[in-house]
Amino acid sequence: MVKPITLYSHAKGPNPWKVAIILEELNIPYEPKFLDVVEMKKEPYLKICPNGRVPTIEDPNTGITLFESGAIIEYLAETYDTKDALSFSTSPEKFYQSQWIHFQMSEQGPYFGQASWFARIHPETIPSAIDRYFDQIKRVHSVLDRELAGKEYLVGDKCSIADLSFVTWDLLVPWIFGDRIGEYDAEKTYPNFYAWNQRLMARPVVQKVVKDREEALTTGH
């Protein structure tokens, strides 16, 4: 019997929920452990995640402790998706899959995060920074839109961890743009991206995790 994986999480952060989607999709038992920001920055958490951020997983089935959401997702797929239901294990698809996970980690996550910070959190309003990172959100979506022309998913003919890794940051776009959301019309400007995102959002597991996140936010985790 598979023992539950511990998922260190935070209600507001999109990256732990990205991992939760993969755990749910693969039917891997897990126990979320919510930390506040102060707890992340001190012992004992720093012993398992020197970066002081979430997510981190502790897997009692293998003895592995791992941080960085992209690495965690690839680990979960390689360790538990033995039938390739949500991933690819042969060339060239496994490399294309990794390519898009790296793109998500290096482009979507950092740029969307900076857009969030300067538009909604930073104590000073810096229009040039906000404009820059809003433009980067649009650029990332334009890249995905081009790739998805004539395709339903990023790799092969099925939804995979490559696709699902983008979901939770995209959820934040309306909040990030706030009063300026009128300048961002994904359905009109990025129709391939928009249709793909709608397919991902319609998945029962994604809907469950979105609900779980809303409940966590409500309870103050």
N, C-alpha and C. Protein backbone atom coordinates (compact mmCIF):
# COMPACT_ATOMS: atom_id res chain seq x y z
N MET A 1 0.84 -1.20 0.00
CA MET A 1 0.00 0.00 0.00
C MET A 1 0.88 1.25 0.00
N VAL A 2 0.51 2.21 -0.84
CA VAL A 2 1.27 3.45 -0.93
C VAL A 2 0.94 4.34 0.27
N LYS A 3 2.00 4.78 0.97
CA LYS A 3 1.81 5.68 2.10
C LYS A 3 1.63 7.11 1.61
N PRO A 4 0.88 7.92 2.33
CA PRO A 4 0.65 9.31 1.89
C PRO A 4 1.93 10.12 1.85
N ILE A 5 2.05 10.90 0.81
CA ILE A 5 3.15 11.86 0.66
C ILE A 5 2.77 13.14 1.40
N THR A 6 3.72 13.72 2.12
CA THR A 6 3.49 15.01 2.75
C THR A 6 3.79 16.11 1.74
N LEU A 7 2.82 17.01 1.54
CA LEU A 7 3.00 18.15 0.65
C LEU A 7 2.97 19.42 1.49
N TYR A 8 4.12 20.07 1.60
CA TYR A 8 4.19 21.35 2.29
C TYR A 8 3.66 22.43 1.36
N SER A 9 2.71 23.20 1.86
CA SER A 9 1.93 24.07 0.99
C SER A 9 1.66 25.41 1.64
N HIS A 10 1.02 26.27 0.86
CA HIS A 10 0.55 27.58 1.32
C HIS A 10 -0.65 27.92 0.47
N ALA A 11 -1.72 28.42 1.08
CA ALA A 11 -2.97 28.61 0.34
C ALA A 11 -2.83 29.53 -0.85
N LYS A 12 -2.08 30.62 -0.69
CA LYS A 12 -2.03 31.63 -1.75
C LYS A 12 -1.07 31.27 -2.88
N GLY A 13 -0.05 30.50 -2.58
CA GLY A 13 0.97 30.23 -3.59
C GLY A 13 0.49 29.26 -4.64
N PRO A 14 0.67 29.57 -5.92
CA PRO A 14 0.20 28.67 -6.98
C PRO A 14 1.01 27.39 -7.13
N ASN A 15 2.29 27.41 -6.75
CA ASN A 15 3.13 26.25 -7.02
C ASN A 15 2.76 24.99 -6.24
N PRO A 16 2.40 25.08 -4.95
CA PRO A 16 1.96 23.86 -4.26
C PRO A 16 0.69 23.27 -4.87
N TRP A 17 -0.19 24.12 -5.34
CA TRP A 17 -1.43 23.61 -5.94
C TRP A 17 -1.17 22.95 -7.28
N LYS A 18 -0.14 23.38 -7.95
CA LYS A 18 0.29 22.71 -9.19
C LYS A 18 0.68 21.26 -8.89
N VAL A 19 1.41 21.06 -7.81
CA VAL A 19 1.78 19.71 -7.39
C VAL A 19 0.55 18.92 -6.95
N ALA A 20 -0.36 19.60 -6.24
CA ALA A 20 -1.59 18.92 -5.79
C ALA A 20 -2.38 18.38 -6.98
N ILE A 21 -2.43 19.12 -8.07
CA ILE A 21 -3.14 18.64 -9.26
C ILE A 21 -2.55 17.33 -9.75
N ILE A 22 -1.23 17.24 -9.80
CA ILE A 22 -0.59 16.02 -10.28
C ILE A 22 -0.82 14.86 -9.31
N LEU A 23 -0.71 15.13 -8.03
CA LEU A 23 -0.99 14.08 -7.03
C LEU A 23 -2.41 13.55 -7.18
N GLU A 24 -3.36 14.45 -7.36
CA GLU A 24 -4.76 14.05 -7.51
C GLU A 24 -4.98 13.29 -8.82
N GLU A 25 -4.40 13.78 -9.89
CA GLU A 25 -4.57 13.13 -11.20
C GLU A 25 -4.03 11.71 -11.19
N LEU A 26 -2.94 11.49 -10.46
CA LEU A 26 -2.32 10.18 -10.42
C LEU A 26 -2.83 9.32 -9.25
N ASN A 27 -3.81 9.85 -8.53
CA ASN A 27 -4.40 9.11 -7.39
C ASN A 27 -3.35 8.71 -6.36
N ILE A 28 -2.41 9.60 -6.11
CA ILE A 28 -1.39 9.36 -5.10
C ILE A 28 -1.89 9.95 -3.78
N PRO A 29 -1.98 9.15 -2.72
CA PRO A 29 -2.42 9.71 -1.44
C PRO A 29 -1.42 10.74 -0.92
N TYR A 30 -1.94 11.82 -0.36
CA TYR A 30 -1.05 12.85 0.17
C TYR A 30 -1.74 13.61 1.28
N GLU A 31 -0.93 14.23 2.11
CA GLU A 31 -1.42 15.04 3.22
C GLU A 31 -0.82 16.43 3.10
N PRO A 32 -1.63 17.44 2.82
CA PRO A 32 -1.09 18.80 2.76
C PRO A 32 -0.75 19.32 4.15
N LYS A 33 0.35 20.00 4.25
CA LYS A 33 0.74 20.63 5.51
C LYS A 33 0.98 22.11 5.21
N PHE A 34 0.08 22.95 5.65
CA PHE A 34 0.15 24.37 5.32
C PHE A 34 1.09 25.10 6.28
N LEU A 35 1.95 25.92 5.70
CA LEU A 35 2.90 26.72 6.46
C LEU A 35 2.62 28.20 6.19
N ASP A 36 2.88 29.04 7.19
CA ASP A 36 2.86 30.47 6.90
C ASP A 36 4.27 30.89 6.49
N VAL A 37 4.39 32.12 6.04
CA VAL A 37 5.67 32.58 5.49
C VAL A 37 6.77 32.55 6.54
N VAL A 38 6.44 32.86 7.77
CA VAL A 38 7.45 32.86 8.84
C VAL A 38 8.00 31.45 9.04
N GLU A 39 7.12 30.46 9.04
CA GLU A 39 7.56 29.08 9.23
C GLU A 39 8.47 28.61 8.10
N MET A 40 8.23 29.10 6.91
CA MET A 40 9.05 28.70 5.77
C MET A 40 10.49 29.17 5.88
N LYS A 41 10.70 30.25 6.61
CA LYS A 41 12.01 30.91 6.64
C LYS A 41 12.87 30.51 7.83
N LYS A 42 12.44 29.49 8.58
CA LYS A 42 13.23 29.10 9.75
C LYS A 42 13.20 27.58 9.90
N GLU A 43 14.02 27.08 10.82
CA GLU A 43 14.01 25.66 11.14
C GLU A 43 12.69 25.30 11.81
N PRO A 44 12.20 24.07 11.64
CA PRO A 44 12.88 22.95 10.98
C PRO A 44 12.66 22.87 9.46
N TYR A 45 11.83 23.79 8.91
CA TYR A 45 11.52 23.66 7.49
C TYR A 45 12.76 23.87 6.62
N LEU A 46 13.65 24.77 7.01
CA LEU A 46 14.85 25.04 6.20
C LEU A 46 15.75 23.82 6.06
N LYS A 47 15.60 22.86 6.96
CA LYS A 47 16.41 21.64 6.86
C LYS A 47 16.00 20.81 5.65
N ILE A 48 14.72 20.89 5.28
CA ILE A 48 14.27 20.10 4.12
C ILE A 48 14.14 20.94 2.86
N CYS A 49 14.06 22.27 3.04
CA CYS A 49 14.00 23.16 1.87
C CYS A 49 14.85 24.38 2.14
N PRO A 50 16.12 24.34 1.78
CA PRO A 50 17.01 25.47 2.08
C PRO A 50 16.58 26.77 1.41
N ASN A 51 15.72 26.69 0.41
CA ASN A 51 15.25 27.89 -0.27
C ASN A 51 14.14 28.60 0.52
N GLY A 52 13.57 27.93 1.49
CA GLY A 52 12.57 28.57 2.34
C GLY A 52 11.28 28.92 1.63
N ARG A 53 10.90 28.09 0.67
CA ARG A 53 9.65 28.31 -0.05
C ARG A 53 8.91 26.98 -0.19
N VAL A 54 7.67 27.06 -0.63
CA VAL A 54 6.90 25.85 -0.90
C VAL A 54 6.62 25.77 -2.40
N PRO A 55 6.45 24.54 -2.90
CA PRO A 55 6.23 23.28 -2.19
C PRO A 55 7.52 22.51 -1.92
N THR A 56 7.39 21.60 -0.97
CA THR A 56 8.35 20.52 -0.75
C THR A 56 7.52 19.27 -0.50
N ILE A 57 8.03 18.13 -0.93
CA ILE A 57 7.37 16.87 -0.59
C ILE A 57 8.32 15.99 0.20
N GLU A 58 7.74 15.18 1.07
CA GLU A 58 8.45 14.10 1.75
C GLU A 58 7.71 12.82 1.38
N ASP A 59 8.41 11.92 0.72
CA ASP A 59 7.80 10.68 0.24
C ASP A 59 8.29 9.51 1.09
N PRO A 60 7.46 9.00 2.00
CA PRO A 60 7.87 7.89 2.85
C PRO A 60 8.04 6.58 2.10
N ASN A 61 7.51 6.53 0.89
CA ASN A 61 7.62 5.30 0.09
C ASN A 61 9.01 5.11 -0.51
N THR A 62 9.71 6.23 -0.72
CA THR A 62 11.04 6.15 -1.32
C THR A 62 12.11 6.76 -0.44
N GLY A 63 11.70 7.51 0.58
CA GLY A 63 12.66 8.20 1.43
C GLY A 63 13.16 9.50 0.84
N ILE A 64 12.55 9.94 -0.24
CA ILE A 64 13.01 11.15 -0.93
C ILE A 64 12.28 12.38 -0.41
N THR A 65 13.05 13.44 -0.15
CA THR A 65 12.52 14.77 0.13
C THR A 65 12.96 15.67 -1.01
N LEU A 66 12.02 16.43 -1.55
CA LEU A 66 12.30 17.18 -2.78
C LEU A 66 11.58 18.51 -2.76
N PHE A 67 12.31 19.58 -3.16
CA PHE A 67 11.65 20.86 -3.36
C PHE A 67 11.81 21.28 -4.82
N GLU A 68 11.19 22.39 -5.21
CA GLU A 68 11.04 22.88 -6.58
C GLU A 68 9.93 22.12 -7.31
N SER A 69 8.86 22.83 -7.63
CA SER A 69 7.66 22.19 -8.15
C SER A 69 7.88 21.43 -9.45
N GLY A 70 8.71 21.97 -10.34
CA GLY A 70 8.97 21.26 -11.60
C GLY A 70 9.65 19.93 -11.37
N ALA A 71 10.64 19.91 -10.47
CA ALA A 71 11.34 18.67 -10.15
C ALA A 71 10.39 17.69 -9.47
N ILE A 72 9.52 18.20 -8.61
CA ILE A 72 8.57 17.33 -7.92
C ILE A 72 7.62 16.68 -8.92
N ILE A 73 7.11 17.46 -9.85
CA ILE A 73 6.17 16.93 -10.84
C ILE A 73 6.83 15.84 -11.68
N GLU A 74 8.05 16.08 -12.13
CA GLU A 74 8.74 15.08 -12.93
C GLU A 74 9.01 13.82 -12.10
N TYR A 75 9.35 14.01 -10.84
CA TYR A 75 9.58 12.87 -9.95
C TYR A 75 8.32 12.05 -9.78
N LEU A 76 7.21 12.71 -9.54
CA LEU A 76 5.95 11.99 -9.33
C LEU A 76 5.56 11.19 -10.56
N ALA A 77 5.75 11.80 -11.72
CA ALA A 77 5.40 11.10 -12.96
C ALA A 77 6.30 9.88 -13.17
N GLU A 78 7.59 10.07 -12.97
CA GLU A 78 8.53 8.96 -13.21
C GLU A 78 8.35 7.84 -12.19
N THR A 79 8.01 8.19 -10.97
CA THR A 79 7.91 7.20 -9.90
C THR A 79 6.57 6.50 -9.86
N TYR A 80 5.49 7.25 -10.13
CA TYR A 80 4.15 6.70 -9.90
C TYR A 80 3.30 6.54 -11.16
N ASP A 81 3.65 7.22 -12.24
CA ASP A 81 2.84 7.10 -13.46
C ASP A 81 3.41 5.99 -14.34
N THR A 82 3.34 4.77 -13.85
CA THR A 82 4.00 3.65 -14.52
C THR A 82 3.35 3.28 -15.85
N LYS A 83 2.10 3.71 -16.05
CA LYS A 83 1.41 3.41 -17.30
C LYS A 83 1.36 4.62 -18.24
N ASP A 84 2.11 5.64 -17.91
CA ASP A 84 2.17 6.86 -18.74
C ASP A 84 0.79 7.45 -19.01
N ALA A 85 -0.06 7.44 -18.01
CA ALA A 85 -1.39 8.02 -18.17
C ALA A 85 -1.33 9.54 -18.30
N LEU A 86 -0.33 10.14 -17.65
CA LEU A 86 -0.25 11.59 -17.62
C LEU A 86 1.13 12.10 -18.03
N SER A 87 1.92 11.22 -18.59
CA SER A 87 3.29 11.61 -18.93
C SER A 87 3.83 10.75 -20.06
N PHE A 88 5.03 11.08 -20.47
CA PHE A 88 5.71 10.34 -21.53
C PHE A 88 7.06 9.87 -21.01
N SER A 89 7.40 8.62 -21.30
CA SER A 89 8.66 8.06 -20.80
C SER A 89 9.60 7.64 -21.92
N THR A 90 9.21 7.89 -23.16
CA THR A 90 10.07 7.52 -24.29
C THR A 90 10.37 8.75 -25.14
N SER A 91 11.48 8.66 -25.86
CA SER A 91 11.91 9.75 -26.74
C SER A 91 11.09 9.73 -28.03
N PRO A 92 10.81 10.90 -28.59
CA PRO A 92 11.22 12.24 -28.18
C PRO A 92 10.25 12.93 -27.22
N GLU A 93 9.08 12.31 -26.99
CA GLU A 93 8.04 13.01 -26.23
C GLU A 93 8.47 13.39 -24.82
N LYS A 94 9.27 12.54 -24.17
CA LYS A 94 9.66 12.86 -22.79
C LYS A 94 10.52 14.12 -22.74
N PHE A 95 11.28 14.38 -23.81
CA PHE A 95 12.09 15.59 -23.85
C PHE A 95 11.24 16.82 -24.17
N TYR A 96 10.25 16.66 -25.03
CA TYR A 96 9.33 17.77 -25.29
C TYR A 96 8.55 18.11 -24.01
N GLN A 97 8.15 17.09 -23.29
CA GLN A 97 7.47 17.29 -22.02
C GLN A 97 8.34 18.09 -21.06
N SER A 98 9.58 17.69 -20.93
CA SER A 98 10.51 18.40 -20.06
C SER A 98 10.74 19.83 -20.54
N GLN A 99 10.79 20.01 -21.84
CA GLN A 99 10.97 21.34 -22.43
C GLN A 99 9.90 22.31 -21.94
N TRP A 100 8.64 21.87 -21.97
CA TRP A 100 7.55 22.76 -21.57
C TRP A 100 7.48 22.95 -20.07
N ILE A 101 7.87 21.95 -19.29
CA ILE A 101 7.94 22.14 -17.85
C ILE A 101 9.02 23.17 -17.51
N HIS A 102 10.15 23.10 -18.20
CA HIS A 102 11.20 24.10 -17.98
C HIS A 102 10.74 25.48 -18.42
N PHE A 103 9.99 25.55 -19.49
CA PHE A 103 9.44 26.84 -19.95
C PHE A 103 8.50 27.42 -18.89
N GLN A 104 7.67 26.57 -18.32
CA GLN A 104 6.77 27.04 -17.28
C GLN A 104 7.57 27.58 -16.08
N MET A 105 8.61 26.86 -15.70
CA MET A 105 9.39 27.24 -14.53
C MET A 105 10.24 28.49 -14.78
N SER A 106 10.73 28.66 -15.99
CA SER A 106 11.64 29.77 -16.26
C SER A 106 10.96 31.00 -16.82
N GLU A 107 9.77 30.83 -17.40
CA GLU A 107 9.09 31.95 -18.04
C GLU A 107 7.78 32.30 -17.33
N GLN A 108 6.84 31.36 -17.32
CA GLN A 108 5.54 31.69 -16.73
C GLN A 108 5.66 32.04 -15.25
N GLY A 109 6.22 31.14 -14.45
CA GLY A 109 6.28 31.35 -13.01
C GLY A 109 6.95 32.66 -12.61
N PRO A 110 8.20 32.90 -13.04
CA PRO A 110 8.88 34.13 -12.62
C PRO A 110 8.20 35.41 -13.11
N TYR A 111 7.78 35.45 -14.37
CA TYR A 111 7.19 36.67 -14.89
C TYR A 111 5.81 36.93 -14.28
N PHE A 112 5.01 35.89 -14.14
CA PHE A 112 3.70 36.08 -13.52
C PHE A 112 3.86 36.48 -12.05
N GLY A 113 4.88 35.90 -11.40
CA GLY A 113 5.14 36.25 -10.01
C GLY A 113 5.53 37.71 -9.85
N GLN A 114 6.39 38.20 -10.73
CA GLN A 114 6.78 39.60 -10.67
C GLN A 114 5.62 40.52 -11.01
N ALA A 115 4.79 40.10 -11.96
CA ALA A 115 3.60 40.89 -12.27
C ALA A 115 2.69 40.98 -11.05
N SER A 116 2.54 39.86 -10.35
CA SER A 116 1.73 39.86 -9.13
C SER A 116 2.29 40.84 -8.11
N TRP A 117 3.60 40.78 -7.94
CA TRP A 117 4.23 41.61 -6.92
C TRP A 117 4.05 43.09 -7.21
N PHE A 118 4.42 43.50 -8.42
CA PHE A 118 4.40 44.94 -8.72
C PHE A 118 2.99 45.49 -8.90
N ALA A 119 2.07 44.66 -9.35
CA ALA A 119 0.71 45.14 -9.59
C ALA A 119 -0.15 45.12 -8.33
N ARG A 120 0.10 44.16 -7.41
CA ARG A 120 -0.84 43.96 -6.31
C ARG A 120 -0.23 44.04 -4.91
N ILE A 121 1.09 43.98 -4.80
CA ILE A 121 1.70 43.86 -3.47
C ILE A 121 2.69 44.97 -3.16
N HIS A 122 3.54 45.34 -4.11
CA HIS A 122 4.61 46.31 -3.88
C HIS A 122 4.02 47.61 -3.32
N PRO A 123 4.65 48.17 -2.26
CA PRO A 123 4.08 49.36 -1.63
C PRO A 123 4.08 50.61 -2.51
N GLU A 124 4.95 50.66 -3.49
CA GLU A 124 4.98 51.79 -4.41
C GLU A 124 4.43 51.36 -5.77
N THR A 125 3.78 52.27 -6.45
CA THR A 125 3.30 51.99 -7.80
C THR A 125 4.39 52.37 -8.79
N ILE A 126 4.87 51.40 -9.54
CA ILE A 126 5.92 51.63 -10.52
C ILE A 126 5.36 51.22 -11.89
N PRO A 127 4.77 52.16 -12.61
CA PRO A 127 4.09 51.81 -13.87
C PRO A 127 4.97 51.08 -14.87
N SER A 128 6.24 51.44 -14.97
CA SER A 128 7.10 50.79 -15.96
C SER A 128 7.30 49.32 -15.63
N ALA A 129 7.40 48.98 -14.35
CA ALA A 129 7.56 47.58 -13.95
C ALA A 129 6.27 46.81 -14.20
N ILE A 130 5.14 47.42 -13.86
CA ILE A 130 3.86 46.76 -14.10
C ILE A 130 3.65 46.51 -15.58
N ASP A 131 3.93 47.51 -16.39
CA ASP A 131 3.77 47.34 -17.85
C ASP A 131 4.68 46.25 -18.38
N ARG A 132 5.91 46.23 -17.90
CA ARG A 132 6.85 45.21 -18.37
C ARG A 132 6.33 43.81 -18.10
N TYR A 133 5.89 43.57 -16.87
CA TYR A 133 5.50 42.20 -16.53
C TYR A 133 4.12 41.84 -17.08
N PHE A 134 3.26 42.81 -17.26
CA PHE A 134 2.01 42.52 -17.97
C PHE A 134 2.31 42.11 -19.41
N ASP A 135 3.27 42.79 -20.02
CA ASP A 135 3.66 42.42 -21.39
C ASP A 135 4.24 41.02 -21.44
N GLN A 136 4.96 40.63 -20.38
CA GLN A 136 5.53 39.28 -20.36
C GLN A 136 4.46 38.21 -20.20
N ILE A 137 3.41 38.49 -19.45
CA ILE A 137 2.29 37.55 -19.38
C ILE A 137 1.72 37.33 -20.79
N LYS A 138 1.52 38.42 -21.49
CA LYS A 138 0.99 38.33 -22.85
C LYS A 138 1.95 37.57 -23.76
N ARG A 139 3.25 37.80 -23.58
CA ARG A 139 4.23 37.11 -24.43
C ARG A 139 4.21 35.60 -24.18
N VAL A 140 4.17 35.21 -22.91
CA VAL A 140 4.11 33.78 -22.58
C VAL A 140 2.88 33.14 -23.22
N HIS A 141 1.77 33.81 -23.13
CA HIS A 141 0.55 33.26 -23.73
C HIS A 141 0.61 33.25 -25.25
N SER A 142 1.33 34.18 -25.83
CA SER A 142 1.48 34.17 -27.29
C SER A 142 2.34 32.98 -27.73
N VAL A 143 3.35 32.63 -26.94
CA VAL A 143 4.18 31.46 -27.25
C VAL A 143 3.33 30.20 -27.20
N LEU A 144 2.55 30.05 -26.16
CA LEU A 144 1.68 28.88 -26.04
C LEU A 144 0.64 28.85 -27.16
N ASP A 145 0.12 30.02 -27.51
CA ASP A 145 -0.88 30.09 -28.57
C ASP A 145 -0.32 29.59 -29.90
N ARG A 146 0.90 29.99 -30.21
CA ARG A 146 1.54 29.53 -31.46
C ARG A 146 1.76 28.03 -31.43
N GLU A 147 2.24 27.52 -30.31
CA GLU A 147 2.54 26.10 -30.21
C GLU A 147 1.26 25.26 -30.33
N LEU A 148 0.16 25.77 -29.84
CA LEU A 148 -1.07 24.99 -29.79
C LEU A 148 -1.92 25.11 -31.04
N ALA A 149 -1.44 25.80 -32.03
CA ALA A 149 -2.18 25.90 -33.30
C ALA A 149 -2.36 24.50 -33.89
N GLY A 150 -3.59 24.07 -34.07
CA GLY A 150 -3.86 22.76 -34.64
C GLY A 150 -3.64 21.61 -33.68
N LYS A 151 -3.45 21.90 -32.38
CA LYS A 151 -3.18 20.87 -31.39
C LYS A 151 -4.10 21.06 -30.19
N GLU A 152 -4.41 19.97 -29.50
CA GLU A 152 -5.18 20.07 -28.27
C GLU A 152 -4.28 20.19 -27.05
N TYR A 153 -3.08 19.59 -27.13
CA TYR A 153 -2.18 19.59 -25.98
C TYR A 153 -0.75 19.85 -26.44
N LEU A 154 0.12 20.19 -25.49
CA LEU A 154 1.47 20.59 -25.84
C LEU A 154 2.31 19.45 -26.40
N VAL A 155 2.10 18.25 -25.90
CA VAL A 155 2.91 17.11 -26.32
C VAL A 155 1.99 15.95 -26.69
N GLY A 156 2.24 15.37 -27.85
CA GLY A 156 1.48 14.19 -28.25
C GLY A 156 -0.01 14.48 -28.36
N ASP A 157 -0.80 13.45 -28.08
CA ASP A 157 -2.24 13.56 -28.25
C ASP A 157 -3.00 13.42 -26.93
N LYS A 158 -2.34 13.76 -25.81
CA LYS A 158 -3.00 13.63 -24.52
C LYS A 158 -2.57 14.73 -23.58
N CYS A 159 -3.42 14.98 -22.60
CA CYS A 159 -3.07 15.92 -21.53
C CYS A 159 -1.97 15.28 -20.69
N SER A 160 -0.96 16.06 -20.39
CA SER A 160 0.17 15.54 -19.61
C SER A 160 0.58 16.53 -18.54
N ILE A 161 1.59 16.14 -17.79
CA ILE A 161 2.12 17.03 -16.76
C ILE A 161 2.63 18.33 -17.36
N ALA A 162 3.02 18.30 -18.63
CA ALA A 162 3.47 19.53 -19.30
C ALA A 162 2.35 20.55 -19.36
N ASP A 163 1.15 20.12 -19.70
CA ASP A 163 0.01 21.02 -19.79
C ASP A 163 -0.42 21.50 -18.40
N LEU A 164 -0.57 20.55 -17.48
CA LEU A 164 -1.14 20.86 -16.18
C LEU A 164 -0.23 21.74 -15.32
N SER A 165 1.04 21.80 -15.65
CA SER A 165 1.95 22.63 -14.87
C SER A 165 1.65 24.12 -15.01
N PHE A 166 0.89 24.49 -16.05
CA PHE A 166 0.59 25.91 -16.29
C PHE A 166 -0.68 26.39 -15.58
N VAL A 167 -1.52 25.47 -15.12
CA VAL A 167 -2.88 25.83 -14.71
C VAL A 167 -2.92 26.86 -13.59
N THR A 168 -2.18 26.63 -12.52
CA THR A 168 -2.41 27.42 -11.31
C THR A 168 -1.92 28.86 -11.43
N TRP A 169 -0.87 29.09 -12.21
CA TRP A 169 -0.47 30.48 -12.43
C TRP A 169 -1.47 31.19 -13.34
N ASP A 170 -2.01 30.48 -14.33
CA ASP A 170 -3.00 31.11 -15.21
C ASP A 170 -4.26 31.49 -14.44
N LEU A 171 -4.57 30.75 -13.39
CA LEU A 171 -5.73 31.09 -12.56
C LEU A 171 -5.63 32.51 -11.99
N LEU A 172 -4.41 32.99 -11.78
CA LEU A 172 -4.21 34.28 -11.13
C LEU A 172 -4.29 35.46 -12.08
N VAL A 173 -4.37 35.23 -13.38
CA VAL A 173 -4.30 36.33 -14.34
C VAL A 173 -5.36 37.40 -14.09
N PRO A 174 -6.64 37.05 -13.89
CA PRO A 174 -7.62 38.11 -13.62
C PRO A 174 -7.27 38.94 -12.38
N TRP A 175 -6.80 38.26 -11.33
CA TRP A 175 -6.40 38.98 -10.11
C TRP A 175 -5.20 39.87 -10.37
N ILE A 176 -4.22 39.37 -11.11
CA ILE A 176 -3.02 40.15 -11.40
C ILE A 176 -3.37 41.43 -12.14
N PHE A 177 -4.17 41.32 -13.20
CA PHE A 177 -4.51 42.49 -14.02
C PHE A 177 -5.47 43.43 -13.30
N GLY A 178 -6.31 42.89 -12.44
CA GLY A 178 -7.20 43.74 -11.67
C GLY A 178 -8.05 44.63 -12.56
N ASP A 179 -8.00 45.94 -12.29
CA ASP A 179 -8.79 46.91 -13.05
C ASP A 179 -8.37 47.01 -14.51
N ARG A 180 -7.21 46.46 -14.84
CA ARG A 180 -6.73 46.52 -16.23
C ARG A 180 -7.05 45.26 -17.02
N ILE A 181 -7.90 44.38 -16.47
CA ILE A 181 -8.20 43.12 -17.15
C ILE A 181 -8.84 43.36 -18.51
N GLY A 182 -9.44 44.52 -18.71
CA GLY A 182 -10.05 44.83 -20.00
C GLY A 182 -9.07 44.85 -21.15
N GLU A 183 -7.79 45.06 -20.85
CA GLU A 183 -6.78 45.09 -21.91
C GLU A 183 -6.27 43.69 -22.27
N TYR A 184 -6.78 42.69 -21.55
CA TYR A 184 -6.33 41.32 -21.79
C TYR A 184 -7.54 40.47 -22.16
N ASP A 185 -7.66 40.13 -23.43
CA ASP A 185 -8.77 39.31 -23.92
C ASP A 185 -8.18 38.05 -24.55
N ALA A 186 -7.97 37.03 -23.70
CA ALA A 186 -7.31 35.81 -24.17
C ALA A 186 -8.12 35.11 -25.25
N GLU A 187 -9.44 35.08 -25.10
CA GLU A 187 -10.27 34.37 -26.07
C GLU A 187 -10.12 34.95 -27.46
N LYS A 188 -9.99 36.25 -27.54
CA LYS A 188 -9.87 36.92 -28.84
C LYS A 188 -8.43 36.93 -29.35
N THR A 189 -7.49 37.22 -28.45
CA THR A 189 -6.10 37.44 -28.87
C THR A 189 -5.29 36.14 -28.96
N TYR A 190 -5.59 35.20 -28.06
CA TYR A 190 -4.85 33.93 -28.03
C TYR A 190 -5.85 32.77 -28.05
N PRO A 191 -6.56 32.58 -29.14
CA PRO A 191 -7.66 31.59 -29.16
C PRO A 191 -7.21 30.16 -28.94
N ASN A 192 -6.03 29.80 -29.43
CA ASN A 192 -5.55 28.43 -29.22
C ASN A 192 -5.22 28.20 -27.75
N PHE A 193 -4.54 29.16 -27.16
CA PHE A 193 -4.25 29.10 -25.73
C PHE A 193 -5.55 29.05 -24.92
N TYR A 194 -6.50 29.90 -25.26
CA TYR A 194 -7.74 29.99 -24.51
C TYR A 194 -8.50 28.65 -24.54
N ALA A 195 -8.61 28.05 -25.71
CA ALA A 195 -9.33 26.77 -25.84
C ALA A 195 -8.62 25.68 -25.04
N TRP A 196 -7.31 25.68 -25.08
CA TRP A 196 -6.51 24.70 -24.30
C TRP A 196 -6.72 24.89 -22.81
N ASN A 197 -6.68 26.13 -22.36
CA ASN A 197 -6.89 26.42 -20.96
C ASN A 197 -8.28 25.99 -20.50
N GLN A 198 -9.28 26.19 -21.36
CA GLN A 198 -10.63 25.76 -21.02
C GLN A 198 -10.72 24.24 -20.90
N ARG A 199 -10.00 23.53 -21.75
CA ARG A 199 -9.98 22.06 -21.65
C ARG A 199 -9.37 21.62 -20.33
N LEU A 200 -8.29 22.28 -19.93
CA LEU A 200 -7.65 21.92 -18.67
C LEU A 200 -8.54 22.25 -17.48
N MET A 201 -9.18 23.40 -17.53
CA MET A 201 -10.03 23.82 -16.42
C MET A 201 -11.26 22.94 -16.27
N ALA A 202 -11.66 22.27 -17.34
CA ALA A 202 -12.84 21.40 -17.29
C ALA A 202 -12.55 20.05 -16.66
N ARG A 203 -11.29 19.72 -16.44
CA ARG A 203 -10.95 18.43 -15.86
C ARG A 203 -11.44 18.37 -14.41
N PRO A 204 -12.09 17.26 -14.03
CA PRO A 204 -12.62 17.16 -12.67
C PRO A 204 -11.58 17.38 -11.58
N VAL A 205 -10.39 16.88 -11.77
CA VAL A 205 -9.35 17.05 -10.75
C VAL A 205 -8.97 18.52 -10.62
N VAL A 206 -8.86 19.21 -11.73
CA VAL A 206 -8.52 20.64 -11.67
C VAL A 206 -9.62 21.39 -10.93
N GLN A 207 -10.86 21.08 -11.22
CA GLN A 207 -11.97 21.73 -10.52
C GLN A 207 -11.93 21.44 -9.02
N LYS A 208 -11.57 20.21 -8.66
CA LYS A 208 -11.47 19.86 -7.24
C LYS A 208 -10.38 20.66 -6.55
N VAL A 209 -9.21 20.75 -7.19
CA VAL A 209 -8.10 21.46 -6.57
C VAL A 209 -8.39 22.95 -6.47
N VAL A 210 -9.05 23.51 -7.47
CA VAL A 210 -9.45 24.91 -7.40
C VAL A 210 -10.37 25.13 -6.20
N LYS A 211 -11.29 24.22 -5.99
CA LYS A 211 -12.20 24.32 -4.83
C LYS A 211 -11.43 24.17 -3.53
N ASP A 212 -10.49 23.20 -3.49
CA ASP A 212 -9.68 23.01 -2.29
C ASP A 212 -8.90 24.29 -1.95
N ARG A 213 -8.37 24.93 -2.99
CA ARG A 213 -7.61 26.16 -2.76
C ARG A 213 -8.51 27.27 -2.22
N GLU A 214 -9.70 27.39 -2.78
CA GLU A 214 -10.63 28.41 -2.29
C GLU A 214 -10.99 28.18 -0.83
N GLU A 215 -11.17 26.92 -0.46
CA GLU A 215 -11.49 26.59 0.93
C GLU A 215 -10.31 26.91 1.85
N ALA A 216 -9.10 26.61 1.38
CA ALA A 216 -7.91 26.91 2.17
C ALA A 216 -7.75 28.42 2.38
N LEU A 217 -8.03 29.18 1.34
CA LEU A 217 -7.97 30.63 1.46
C LEU A 217 -9.00 31.15 2.47
N THR A 218 -10.16 30.54 2.45
CA THR A 218 -11.24 30.95 3.36
C THR A 218 -10.89 30.67 4.81
N THR A 219 -10.23 29.53 5.04
CA THR A 219 -9.90 29.15 6.41
C THR A 219 -8.61 29.78 6.91
N GLY A 220 -7.93 30.51 6.03
CA GLY A 220 -6.76 31.26 6.45
C GLY A 220 -5.46 30.52 6.47
N HIS A 221 -5.36 29.41 5.76
CA HIS A 221 -4.08 28.70 5.69
C HIS A 221 -3.08 29.51 4.88
